[in-house]
C-alpha atoms as a PDB file:
ATOM      1  CA  UNK A   1      62.620  84.414 -57.287  1.00  0.00           C
ATOM      2  CA  UNK A   2      64.597  81.767 -55.501  1.00  0.00           C
ATOM      3  CA  UNK A   3      62.880  79.764 -52.981  1.00  0.00           C
ATOM      4  CA  UNK A   4      64.758  78.167 -50.033  1.00  0.00           C
ATOM      5  CA  UNK A   5      63.924  76.212 -46.758  1.00  0.00           C
ATOM      6  CA  UNK A   6      64.719  76.622 -43.024  1.00  0.00           C
ATOM      7  CA  UNK A   7      66.496  73.517 -41.630  1.00  0.00           C
ATOM      8  CA  UNK A   8      65.411  71.981 -38.435  1.00  0.00           C
ATOM      9  CA  UNK A   9      67.774  73.768 -35.955  1.00  0.00           C
ATOM     10  CA  UNK A  10      65.462  74.641 -33.115  1.00  0.00           C
ATOM     11  CA  UNK A  11      63.327  72.860 -30.598  1.00  0.00           C
ATOM     12  CA  UNK A  12      61.597  69.509 -30.763  1.00  0.00           C
ATOM     13  CA  UNK A  13      62.092  68.825 -34.356  1.00  0.00           C
ATOM     14  CA  UNK A  14      65.906  69.552 -34.444  1.00  0.00           C
ATOM     15  CA  UNK A  15      66.989  66.068 -34.444  1.00  0.00           C
ATOM     16  CA  UNK A  16      69.592  64.194 -36.713  1.00  0.00           C
ATOM     17  CA  UNK A  17      66.990  62.252 -38.495  1.00  0.00           C
ATOM     18  CA  UNK A  18      64.641  65.105 -39.132  1.00  0.00           C
ATOM     19  CA  UNK A  19      67.455  67.393 -40.158  1.00  0.00           C
ATOM     20  CA  UNK A  20      68.660  64.957 -42.633  1.00  0.00           C
ATOM     21  CA  UNK A  21      65.128  64.075 -44.024  1.00  0.00           C
ATOM     22  CA  UNK A  22      64.406  67.799 -44.400  1.00  0.00           C
ATOM     23  CA  UNK A  23      67.527  68.415 -46.361  1.00  0.00           C
ATOM     24  CA  UNK A  24      67.069  65.612 -48.650  1.00  0.00           C
ATOM     25  CA  UNK A  25      63.294  66.139 -49.237  1.00  0.00           C
ATOM     26  CA  UNK A  26      64.054  69.999 -49.862  1.00  0.00           C
ATOM     27  CA  UNK A  27      66.680  69.193 -52.631  1.00  0.00           C
ATOM     28  CA  UNK A  28      64.375  66.656 -54.204  1.00  0.00           C
ATOM     29  CA  UNK A  29      61.413  69.014 -54.155  1.00  0.00           C
ATOM     30  CA  UNK A  30      63.477  71.673 -56.095  1.00  0.00           C
ATOM     31  CA  UNK A  31      64.180  74.190 -53.324  1.00  0.00           C
ATOM     32  CA  UNK A  32      67.229  76.353 -53.958  1.00  0.00           C
ATOM     33  CA  UNK A  33      68.738  76.619 -50.465  1.00  0.00           C
ATOM     34  CA  UNK A  34      68.692  75.326 -46.915  1.00  0.00           C
ATOM     35  CA  UNK A  35      69.128  78.050 -44.057  1.00  0.00           C
ATOM     36  CA  UNK A  36      70.087  77.832 -40.379  1.00  0.00           C
ATOM     37  CA  UNK A  37      70.466  80.564 -37.686  1.00  0.00           C
ATOM     38  CA  UNK A  38      72.490  81.138 -34.670  1.00  0.00           C
ATOM     39  CA  UNK A  39      71.784  81.460 -30.916  1.00  0.00           C
ATOM     40  CA  UNK A  40      74.456  80.562 -28.499  1.00  0.00           C
ATOM     41  CA  UNK A  41      72.576  80.524 -25.355  1.00  0.00           C
ATOM     42  CA  UNK A  42      69.675  82.093 -23.364  1.00  0.00           C
ATOM     43  CA  UNK A  43      70.004  83.983 -19.907  1.00  0.00           C
ATOM     44  CA  UNK A  44      67.881  82.532 -17.346  1.00  0.00           C
ATOM     45  CA  UNK A  45      66.214  85.865 -16.913  1.00  0.00           C
ATOM     46  CA  UNK A  46      65.618  86.793 -20.674  1.00  0.00           C
ATOM     47  CA  UNK A  47      62.103  86.492 -21.775  1.00  0.00           C
ATOM     48  CA  UNK A  48      62.814  85.091 -25.321  1.00  0.00           C
ATOM     49  CA  UNK A  49      60.401  83.554 -27.754  1.00  0.00           C
ATOM     50  CA  UNK A  50      60.689  79.520 -27.377  1.00  0.00           C
ATOM     51  CA  UNK A  51      62.422  79.311 -30.718  1.00  0.00           C
ATOM     52  CA  UNK A  52      65.783  80.598 -29.124  1.00  0.00           C
ATOM     53  CA  UNK A  53      65.730  78.036 -26.107  1.00  0.00           C
ATOM     54  CA  UNK A  54      67.363  75.114 -27.969  1.00  0.00           C
ATOM     55  CA  UNK A  55      69.220  75.855 -31.129  1.00  0.00           C
ATOM     56  CA  UNK A  56      71.795  73.704 -33.030  1.00  0.00           C
ATOM     57  CA  UNK A  57      75.076  75.387 -34.064  1.00  0.00           C
ATOM     58  CA  UNK A  58      74.343  76.665 -37.575  1.00  0.00           C
ATOM     59  CA  UNK A  59      77.464  75.814 -39.337  1.00  0.00           C
ATOM     60  CA  UNK A  60      77.599  72.183 -38.065  1.00  0.00           C
ATOM     61  CA  UNK A  61      73.877  71.700 -38.866  1.00  0.00           C
ATOM     62  CA  UNK A  62      74.877  72.936 -42.514  1.00  0.00           C
ATOM     63  CA  UNK A  63      77.764  70.488 -42.654  1.00  0.00           C
ATOM     64  CA  UNK A  64      75.404  67.708 -41.685  1.00  0.00           C
ATOM     65  CA  UNK A  65      73.045  68.670 -44.381  1.00  0.00           C
ATOM     66  CA  UNK A  66      75.798  69.060 -46.782  1.00  0.00           C
ATOM     67  CA  UNK A  67      76.979  65.307 -46.313  1.00  0.00           C
ATOM     68  CA  UNK A  68      73.482  64.397 -47.249  1.00  0.00           C
ATOM     69  CA  UNK A  69      72.793  66.561 -50.403  1.00  0.00           C
ATOM     70  CA  UNK A  70      74.583  67.259 -53.604  1.00  0.00           C
ATOM     71  CA  UNK A  71      73.558  70.592 -55.207  1.00  0.00           C
ATOM     72  CA  UNK A  72      71.230  72.626 -52.744  1.00  0.00           C
ATOM     73  CA  UNK A  73      72.872  75.750 -51.518  1.00  0.00           C
ATOM     74  CA  UNK A  74      73.716  76.137 -47.662  1.00  0.00           C
ATOM     75  CA  UNK A  75      73.053  79.449 -45.870  1.00  0.00           C
ATOM     76  CA  UNK A  76      73.351  80.703 -42.334  1.00  0.00           C
ATOM     77  CA  UNK A  77      71.237  83.772 -41.400  1.00  0.00           C
ATOM     78  CA  UNK A  78      72.983  84.723 -39.388  1.00  0.00           C
ATOM     79  CA  UNK A  79      76.226  84.328 -37.471  1.00  0.00           C
ATOM     80  CA  UNK A  80      76.886  87.211 -34.956  1.00  0.00           C
ATOM     81  CA  UNK A  81      80.442  88.454 -35.986  1.00  0.00           C
ATOM     82  CA  UNK A  82      81.467  89.813 -32.492  1.00  0.00           C
ATOM     83  CA  UNK A  83      81.517  86.310 -31.011  1.00  0.00           C
ATOM     84  CA  UNK A  84      84.225  84.656 -33.312  1.00  0.00           C
ATOM     85  CA  UNK A  85      87.278  86.147 -34.958  1.00  0.00           C
ATOM     86  CA  UNK A  86      87.223  86.605 -38.770  1.00  0.00           C
ATOM     87  CA  UNK A  87      90.198  84.198 -39.075  1.00  0.00           C
ATOM     88  CA  UNK A  88      88.371  81.423 -37.304  1.00  0.00           C
ATOM     89  CA  UNK A  89      85.083  82.031 -39.114  1.00  0.00           C
ATOM     90  CA  UNK A  90      87.039  82.160 -42.414  1.00  0.00           C
ATOM     91  CA  UNK A  91      88.505  78.815 -41.811  1.00  0.00           C
ATOM     92  CA  UNK A  92      85.216  77.247 -40.734  1.00  0.00           C
ATOM     93  CA  UNK A  93      83.182  78.661 -43.646  1.00  0.00           C
ATOM     94  CA  UNK A  94      86.122  78.089 -46.162  1.00  0.00           C
ATOM     95  CA  UNK A  95      86.224  74.436 -45.264  1.00  0.00           C
ATOM     96  CA  UNK A  96      82.271  74.099 -45.371  1.00  0.00           C
ATOM     97  CA  UNK A  97      82.568  75.531 -48.861  1.00  0.00           C
ATOM     98  CA  UNK A  98      85.269  72.914 -49.734  1.00  0.00           C
ATOM     99  CA  UNK A  99      83.270  70.105 -48.286  1.00  0.00           C
ATOM    100  CA  UNK A 100      80.116  71.006 -49.959  1.00  0.00           C
ATOM    101  CA  UNK A 101      81.588  71.675 -53.343  1.00  0.00           C
ATOM    102  CA  UNK A 102      81.052  75.555 -53.212  1.00  0.00           C
ATOM    103  CA  UNK A 103      77.632  75.857 -51.816  1.00  0.00           C
ATOM    104  CA  UNK A 104      77.908  78.249 -48.959  1.00  0.00           C
ATOM    105  CA  UNK A 105      76.222  81.629 -48.190  1.00  0.00           C
ATOM    106  CA  UNK A 106      77.376  83.534 -45.037  1.00  0.00           C
ATOM    107  CA  UNK A 107      74.917  85.854 -43.201  1.00  0.00           C
ATOM    108  CA  UNK A 108      76.594  88.204 -40.784  1.00  0.00           C
ATOM    109  CA  UNK A 109      75.211  90.318 -37.794  1.00  0.00           C
ATOM    110  CA  UNK A 110      76.364  92.260 -35.073  1.00  0.00           C
ATOM    111  CA  UNK A 111      74.448  90.604 -32.127  1.00  0.00           C
ATOM    112  CA  UNK A 112      72.122  91.891 -29.461  1.00  0.00           C
ATOM    113  CA  UNK A 113      71.887  89.570 -26.604  1.00  0.00           C
ATOM    114  CA  UNK A 114      73.871  90.736 -23.565  1.00  0.00           C
ATOM    115  CA  UNK A 115      74.417  87.196 -22.093  1.00  0.00           C
ATOM    116  CA  UNK A 116      75.940  86.094 -25.450  1.00  0.00           C
ATOM    117  CA  UNK A 117      78.323  89.015 -25.429  1.00  0.00           C
ATOM    118  CA  UNK A 118      79.343  88.284 -21.768  1.00  0.00           C
ATOM    119  CA  UNK A 119      79.750  84.432 -22.343  1.00  0.00           C
ATOM    120  CA  UNK A 120      81.984  85.114 -25.480  1.00  0.00           C
ATOM    121  CA  UNK A 121      84.045  87.774 -23.962  1.00  0.00           C
ATOM    122  CA  UNK A 122      83.046  89.878 -26.842  1.00  0.00           C
ATOM    123  CA  UNK A 123      82.505  93.883 -26.535  1.00  0.00           C
ATOM    124  CA  UNK A 124      79.200  95.296 -27.558  1.00  0.00           C
ATOM    125  CA  UNK A 125      81.088  98.571 -28.133  1.00  0.00           C
ATOM    126  CA  UNK A 126      81.310  99.834 -31.532  1.00  0.00           C
ATOM    127  CA  UNK A 127      79.841  96.760 -33.126  1.00  0.00           C
ATOM    128  CA  UNK A 128      78.978  98.493 -36.298  1.00  0.00           C
ATOM    129  CA  UNK A 129      82.395 100.145 -36.819  1.00  0.00           C
ATOM    130  CA  UNK A 130      83.820  96.612 -36.738  1.00  0.00           C
ATOM    131  CA  UNK A 131      81.565  95.284 -39.458  1.00  0.00           C
ATOM    132  CA  UNK A 132      83.599  96.698 -42.445  1.00  0.00           C
ATOM    133  CA  UNK A 133      86.886  95.542 -41.087  1.00  0.00           C
ATOM    134  CA  UNK A 134      85.694  92.044 -40.417  1.00  0.00           C
ATOM    135  CA  UNK A 135      84.127  91.603 -43.922  1.00  0.00           C
ATOM    136  CA  UNK A 136      87.560  92.777 -45.368  1.00  0.00           C
ATOM    137  CA  UNK A 137      89.539  90.341 -43.182  1.00  0.00           C
ATOM    138  CA  UNK A 138      87.357  87.625 -44.454  1.00  0.00           C
ATOM    139  CA  UNK A 139      87.717  88.421 -48.051  1.00  0.00           C
ATOM    140  CA  UNK A 140      91.565  88.776 -47.951  1.00  0.00           C
ATOM    141  CA  UNK A 141      91.673  85.090 -46.113  1.00  0.00           C
ATOM    142  CA  UNK A 142      89.694  83.702 -48.740  1.00  0.00           C
ATOM    143  CA  UNK A 143      90.845  85.520 -52.032  1.00  0.00           C
ATOM    144  CA  UNK A 144      94.539  86.241 -51.532  1.00  0.00           C
ATOM    145  CA  UNK A 145      97.368  83.953 -51.814  1.00  0.00           C
ATOM    146  CA  UNK A 146      99.063  85.963 -49.141  1.00  0.00           C
ATOM    147  CA  UNK A 147      96.535  87.487 -46.828  1.00  0.00           C
ATOM    148  CA  UNK A 148      96.971  90.626 -44.828  1.00  0.00           C
ATOM    149  CA  UNK A 149      94.888  93.120 -43.117  1.00  0.00           C
ATOM    150  CA  UNK A 150      95.667  95.926 -40.424  1.00  0.00           C
ATOM    151  CA  UNK A 151      92.743  97.789 -39.089  1.00  0.00           C
ATOM    152  CA  UNK A 152      91.643  99.329 -35.809  1.00  0.00           C
ATOM    153  CA  UNK A 153      90.103  96.221 -34.643  1.00  0.00           C
ATOM    154  CA  UNK A 154      91.444  93.206 -36.645  1.00  0.00           C
ATOM    155  CA  UNK A 155      94.840  92.410 -37.882  1.00  0.00           C
ATOM    156  CA  UNK A 156      95.790  89.585 -40.112  1.00  0.00           C
ATOM    157  CA  UNK A 157      99.635  89.372 -40.457  1.00  0.00           C
ATOM    158  CA  UNK A 158     100.931  88.339 -43.747  1.00  0.00           C
ATOM    159  CA  UNK A 159     100.013  84.772 -43.956  1.00  0.00           C
ATOM    160  CA  UNK A 160      98.418  81.967 -46.078  1.00  0.00           C
ATOM    161  CA  UNK A 161      95.131  80.300 -45.388  1.00  0.00           C
ATOM    162  CA  UNK A 162      94.600  76.962 -47.399  1.00  0.00           C
ATOM    163  CA  UNK A 163      92.632  75.441 -48.665  1.00  0.00           C
ATOM    164  CA  UNK A 164      90.779  78.308 -50.469  1.00  0.00           C
ATOM    165  CA  UNK A 165      86.923  78.122 -50.695  1.00  0.00           C
ATOM    166  CA  UNK A 166      85.687  76.566 -53.975  1.00  0.00           C
ATOM    167  CA  UNK A 167      83.656  79.777 -54.755  1.00  0.00           C
ATOM    168  CA  UNK A 168      86.057  82.568 -55.845  1.00  0.00           C
ATOM    169  CA  UNK A 169      86.964  84.861 -54.583  1.00  0.00           C
ATOM    170  CA  UNK A 170      84.872  83.435 -51.672  1.00  0.00           C
ATOM    171  CA  UNK A 171      81.422  82.742 -50.256  1.00  0.00           C
ATOM    172  CA  UNK A 172      78.829  85.515 -50.802  1.00  0.00           C
ATOM    173  CA  UNK A 173      78.388  87.621 -47.684  1.00  0.00           C
ATOM    174  CA  UNK A 174      75.116  88.845 -46.700  1.00  0.00           C
ATOM    175  CA  UNK A 175      74.540  91.318 -43.811  1.00  0.00           C
ATOM    176  CA  UNK A 176      71.715  91.634 -41.569  1.00  0.00           C
ATOM    177  CA  UNK A 177      70.184  94.508 -39.738  1.00  0.00           C
ATOM    178  CA  UNK A 178      67.110  96.562 -39.818  1.00  0.00           C
ATOM    179  CA  UNK A 179      67.917 100.163 -39.282  1.00  0.00           C
ATOM    180  CA  UNK A 180      68.728 102.484 -42.277  1.00  0.00           C
ATOM    181  CA  UNK A 181      72.357 102.703 -41.704  1.00  0.00           C
ATOM    182  CA  UNK A 182      72.667  99.007 -41.499  1.00  0.00           C
ATOM    183  CA  UNK A 183      70.666  98.550 -44.802  1.00  0.00           C
ATOM    184  CA  UNK A 184      72.753 101.041 -46.606  1.00  0.00           C
ATOM    185  CA  UNK A 185      75.849  99.144 -45.402  1.00  0.00           C
ATOM    186  CA  UNK A 186      74.689  95.651 -46.607  1.00  0.00           C
ATOM    187  CA  UNK A 187      74.370  97.173 -50.227  1.00  0.00           C
ATOM    188  CA  UNK A 188      77.435  99.085 -49.986  1.00  0.00           C
ATOM    189  CA  UNK A 189      79.968  96.468 -48.467  1.00  0.00           C
ATOM    190  CA  UNK A 190      78.289  92.882 -48.837  1.00  0.00           C
ATOM    191  CA  UNK A 191      76.894  90.989 -51.594  1.00  0.00           C
ATOM    192  CA  UNK A 192      73.334  91.534 -50.136  1.00  0.00           C
ATOM    193  CA  UNK A 193      70.888  91.775 -47.216  1.00  0.00           C
ATOM    194  CA  UNK A 194      68.971  89.140 -45.286  1.00  0.00           C
ATOM    195  CA  UNK A 195      65.935  90.226 -43.362  1.00  0.00           C
ATOM    196  CA  UNK A 196      65.078  89.371 -39.653  1.00  0.00           C
ATOM    197  CA  UNK A 197      62.349  87.050 -38.421  1.00  0.00           C
ATOM    198  CA  UNK A 198      60.815  90.342 -37.113  1.00  0.00           C
ATOM    199  CA  UNK A 199      60.875  92.321 -40.076  1.00  0.00           C
ATOM    200  CA  UNK A 200      57.527  93.713 -41.086  1.00  0.00           C
ATOM    201  CA  UNK A 201      57.075  92.307 -44.677  1.00  0.00           C
ATOM    202  CA  UNK A 202      54.539  94.767 -45.518  1.00  0.00           C
ATOM    203  CA  UNK A 203      56.974  97.465 -45.262  1.00  0.00           C
ATOM    204  CA  UNK A 204      60.136  95.448 -46.963  1.00  0.00           C
ATOM    205  CA  UNK A 205      60.320  97.595 -50.207  1.00  0.00           C
ATOM    206  CA  UNK A 206      61.304 100.530 -48.085  1.00  0.00           C
ATOM    207  CA  UNK A 207      64.113  98.261 -46.726  1.00  0.00           C
ATOM    208  CA  UNK A 208      64.987  97.152 -50.380  1.00  0.00           C
ATOM    209  CA  UNK A 209      65.192 100.689 -51.608  1.00  0.00           C
ATOM    210  CA  UNK A 210      67.935 101.526 -48.657  1.00  0.00           C
ATOM    211  CA  UNK A 211      69.946  98.330 -49.649  1.00  0.00           C
ATOM    212  CA  UNK A 212      69.990  99.302 -53.328  1.00  0.00           C
ATOM    213  CA  UNK A 213      70.888 102.902 -52.457  1.00  0.00           C
ATOM    214  CA  UNK A 214      73.815 101.695 -50.483  1.00  0.00           C
ATOM    215  CA  UNK A 215      74.911  99.541 -53.431  1.00  0.00           C
ATOM    216  CA  UNK A 216      74.446 102.346 -55.853  1.00  0.00           C
ATOM    217  CA  UNK A 217      76.716 104.727 -53.344  1.00  0.00           C
ATOM    218  CA  UNK A 218      79.558 102.043 -53.850  1.00  0.00           C
ATOM    219  CA  UNK A 219      79.009 102.027 -57.611  1.00  0.00           C
ATOM    220  CA  UNK A 220      77.469  98.411 -57.886  1.00  0.00           C
ATOM    221  CA  UNK A 221      74.898  97.466 -60.284  1.00  0.00           C
ATOM    222  CA  UNK A 222      71.807  96.994 -58.080  1.00  0.00           C
ATOM    223  CA  UNK A 223      70.751  94.027 -60.245  1.00  0.00           C
ATOM    224  CA  UNK A 224      73.662  92.015 -58.718  1.00  0.00           C
ATOM    225  CA  UNK A 225      72.530  92.723 -55.043  1.00  0.00           C
ATOM    226  CA  UNK A 226      70.839  89.734 -53.315  1.00  0.00           C
ATOM    227  CA  UNK A 227      67.762  90.553 -51.070  1.00  0.00           C
ATOM    228  CA  UNK A 228      67.032  87.488 -49.070  1.00  0.00           C
ATOM    229  CA  UNK A 229      63.777  87.312 -46.987  1.00  0.00           C
ATOM    230  CA  UNK A 230      63.388  84.847 -43.997  1.00  0.00           C
ATOM    231  CA  UNK A 231      59.870  83.814 -44.454  1.00  0.00           C
ATOM    232  CA  UNK A 232      58.364  82.977 -41.075  1.00  0.00           C
ATOM    233  CA  UNK A 233      55.514  80.558 -42.234  1.00  0.00           C
ATOM    234  CA  UNK A 234      52.281  80.170 -40.283  1.00  0.00           C
ATOM    235  CA  UNK A 235      50.110  77.479 -42.010  1.00  0.00           C
ATOM    236  CA  UNK A 236      46.369  77.435 -41.373  1.00  0.00           C
ATOM    237  CA  UNK A 237      43.815  75.382 -42.736  1.00  0.00           C
ATOM    238  CA  UNK A 238      41.367  78.374 -42.567  1.00  0.00           C
ATOM    239  CA  UNK A 239      41.988  81.164 -44.955  1.00  0.00           C
ATOM    240  CA  UNK A 240      42.540  84.216 -42.747  1.00  0.00           C
ATOM    241  CA  UNK A 241      41.617  87.620 -44.192  1.00  0.00           C
ATOM    242  CA  UNK A 242      41.695  91.399 -43.216  1.00  0.00           C
ATOM    243  CA  UNK A 243      44.288  93.908 -42.832  1.00  0.00           C
ATOM    244  CA  UNK A 244      45.830  92.326 -39.740  1.00  0.00           C
ATOM    245  CA  UNK A 245      46.944  89.210 -41.609  1.00  0.00           C
ATOM    246  CA  UNK A 246      50.823  88.613 -41.694  1.00  0.00           C
ATOM    247  CA  UNK A 247      52.357  87.936 -44.987  1.00  0.00           C
ATOM    248  CA  UNK A 248      53.116  84.286 -45.278  1.00  0.00           C
ATOM    249  CA  UNK A 249      50.426  83.070 -43.004  1.00  0.00           C
ATOM    250  CA  UNK A 250      47.301  81.388 -44.125  1.00  0.00           C
ATOM    251  CA  UNK A 251      46.645  78.640 -46.586  1.00  0.00           C
ATOM    252  CA  UNK A 252      49.195  77.355 -48.902  1.00  0.00           C
ATOM    253  CA  UNK A 253      47.615  79.347 -51.773  1.00  0.00           C
ATOM    254  CA  UNK A 254      47.960  82.605 -49.729  1.00  0.00           C
ATOM    255  CA  UNK A 255      51.546  81.724 -48.753  1.00  0.00           C
ATOM    256  CA  UNK A 256      52.475  81.222 -52.385  1.00  0.00           C
ATOM    257  CA  UNK A 257      50.836  84.606 -53.343  1.00  0.00           C
ATOM    258  CA  UNK A 258      52.835  86.316 -50.672  1.00  0.00           C
ATOM    259  CA  UNK A 259      55.983  84.970 -51.857  1.00  0.00           C
ATOM    260  CA  UNK A 260      55.200  86.115 -55.472  1.00  0.00           C
ATOM    261  CA  UNK A 261      54.159  89.635 -54.055  1.00  0.00           C
ATOM    262  CA  UNK A 262      57.493  89.738 -52.318  1.00  0.00           C
ATOM    263  CA  UNK A 263      59.326  89.529 -55.779  1.00  0.00           C
ATOM    264  CA  UNK A 264      57.386  92.523 -56.744  1.00  0.00           C
ATOM    265  CA  UNK A 265      58.882  94.426 -53.700  1.00  0.00           C
ATOM    266  CA  UNK A 266      62.478  93.723 -54.760  1.00  0.00           C
ATOM    267  CA  UNK A 267      63.296  90.442 -52.925  1.00  0.00           C
ATOM    268  CA  UNK A 268      65.354  88.089 -54.709  1.00  0.00           C
ATOM    269  CA  UNK A 269      65.069  85.088 -52.467  1.00  0.00           C
ATOM    270  CA  UNK A 270      62.713  83.951 -49.673  1.00  0.00           C
ATOM    271  CA  UNK A 271      63.298  80.976 -47.491  1.00  0.00           C
ATOM    272  CA  UNK A 272      60.372  79.350 -45.671  1.00  0.00           C
ATOM    273  CA  UNK A 273      61.265  78.755 -41.976  1.00  0.00           C
ATOM    274  CA  UNK A 274      59.263  76.697 -39.837  1.00  0.00           C
ATOM    275  CA  UNK A 275      61.556  77.025 -36.832  1.00  0.00           C
ATOM    276  CA  UNK A 276      58.909  79.728 -35.441  1.00  0.00           C
ATOM    277  CA  UNK A 277      56.015  77.489 -35.870  1.00  0.00           C
ATOM    278  CA  UNK A 278      54.972  76.569 -32.301  1.00  0.00           C
ATOM    279  CA  UNK A 279      53.651  73.060 -33.498  1.00  0.00           C
ATOM    280  CA  UNK A 280      56.958  72.056 -34.387  1.00  0.00           C
ATOM    281  CA  UNK A 281      59.212  74.090 -31.924  1.00  0.00           C
ATOM    282  CA  UNK A 282      57.031  75.080 -29.082  1.00  0.00           C
ATOM    283  CA  UNK A 283      57.289  73.703 -25.390  1.00  0.00           C
ATOM    284  CA  UNK A 284      55.696  70.150 -24.909  1.00  0.00           C
ATOM    285  CA  UNK A 285      55.656  69.263 -28.802  1.00  0.00           C
ATOM    286  CA  UNK A 286      55.812  65.576 -29.490  1.00  0.00           C
ATOM    287  CA  UNK A 287      58.795  65.229 -31.573  1.00  0.00           C
ATOM    288  CA  UNK A 288      57.184  62.120 -33.316  1.00  0.00           C
ATOM    289  CA  UNK A 289      54.493  64.432 -34.750  1.00  0.00           C
ATOM    290  CA  UNK A 290      56.958  66.992 -36.124  1.00  0.00           C
ATOM    291  CA  UNK A 291      58.262  65.605 -39.325  1.00  0.00           C
ATOM    292  CA  UNK A 292      54.851  64.829 -40.973  1.00  0.00           C
ATOM    293  CA  UNK A 293      53.796  68.332 -40.473  1.00  0.00           C
ATOM    294  CA  UNK A 294      57.078  69.717 -41.707  1.00  0.00           C
ATOM    295  CA  UNK A 295      57.096  67.621 -44.893  1.00  0.00           C
ATOM    296  CA  UNK A 296      53.434  68.287 -45.576  1.00  0.00           C
ATOM    297  CA  UNK A 297      54.394  72.103 -45.625  1.00  0.00           C
ATOM    298  CA  UNK A 298      57.788  71.627 -47.453  1.00  0.00           C
ATOM    299  CA  UNK A 299      55.923  69.564 -50.245  1.00  0.00           C
ATOM    300  CA  UNK A 300      52.762  71.967 -50.248  1.00  0.00           C
ATOM    301  CA  UNK A 301      55.122  75.104 -50.971  1.00  0.00           C
ATOM    302  CA  UNK A 302      57.435  73.155 -53.181  1.00  0.00           C
ATOM    303  CA  UNK A 303      58.834  75.028 -56.132  1.00  0.00           C
ATOM    304  CA  UNK A 304      58.742  71.924 -58.053  1.00  0.00           C
ATOM    305  CA  UNK A 305      54.966  71.387 -57.190  1.00  0.00           C
ATOM    306  CA  UNK A 306      55.335  68.223 -55.205  1.00  0.00           C
ATOM    307  CA  UNK A 307      52.908  67.332 -52.547  1.00  0.00           C
END
């Protein structure tokens, strides 16, 4: 099981100094990856969780972290593909892969927020049908000396995109999604699947089965498919118990036990994400108090046993 950590990209703790400190400390503490997520904007009439109200750009945040680290991987979970063309995203992610020395993982989703579709001029129609073409377009732009793709939604005229990513044939692509068709698609056309913050982790084995079924349909070795879990951590000094306790909530020991349990459910990677912690990102939080709490949790859950 690989263990990653969510970067400070939301709310009060998403500042340059805290982002840099978390990135450096996570690498030192033995974490495998740093992760970000995308939220472009929030409509004034939308009733969304506080975590979405103020969010840094995910790729720029990863580039900032890349400049301060050496070996830890850099993942985004996720970029919504309708909001940007595959050629533009291929250039951004390819550049980040070059500048980071080949450390990037790209998660893709289809989007769900109506104001974001309107603001980007994107169509919410046939989002799912676009996904396969989008992935194919990314791969030819990264892998082929002369790239070309012609589909219903996207066209890449015969052309060259340089420099190529360090990772060959390109950075790994993970797909999000929670419905059965999306899970199968992730196994079939991508390198793996990344779960949502709202995923019911007590039932994640069912999701994993569908992803691996999709991989089998495509003739892939299921052992090569990545299953990445966003772990929304809720640390508590008191040990909660009972059937209503959410996985990855409670004491350090309980959270570690849950991570080990996720491995038995088929999860290959989990990243602890504190962006959903109201004591770090909630309204009225004192930014000066956030770094100590974040680093206490980072070290308390460290794969290297620091803290």
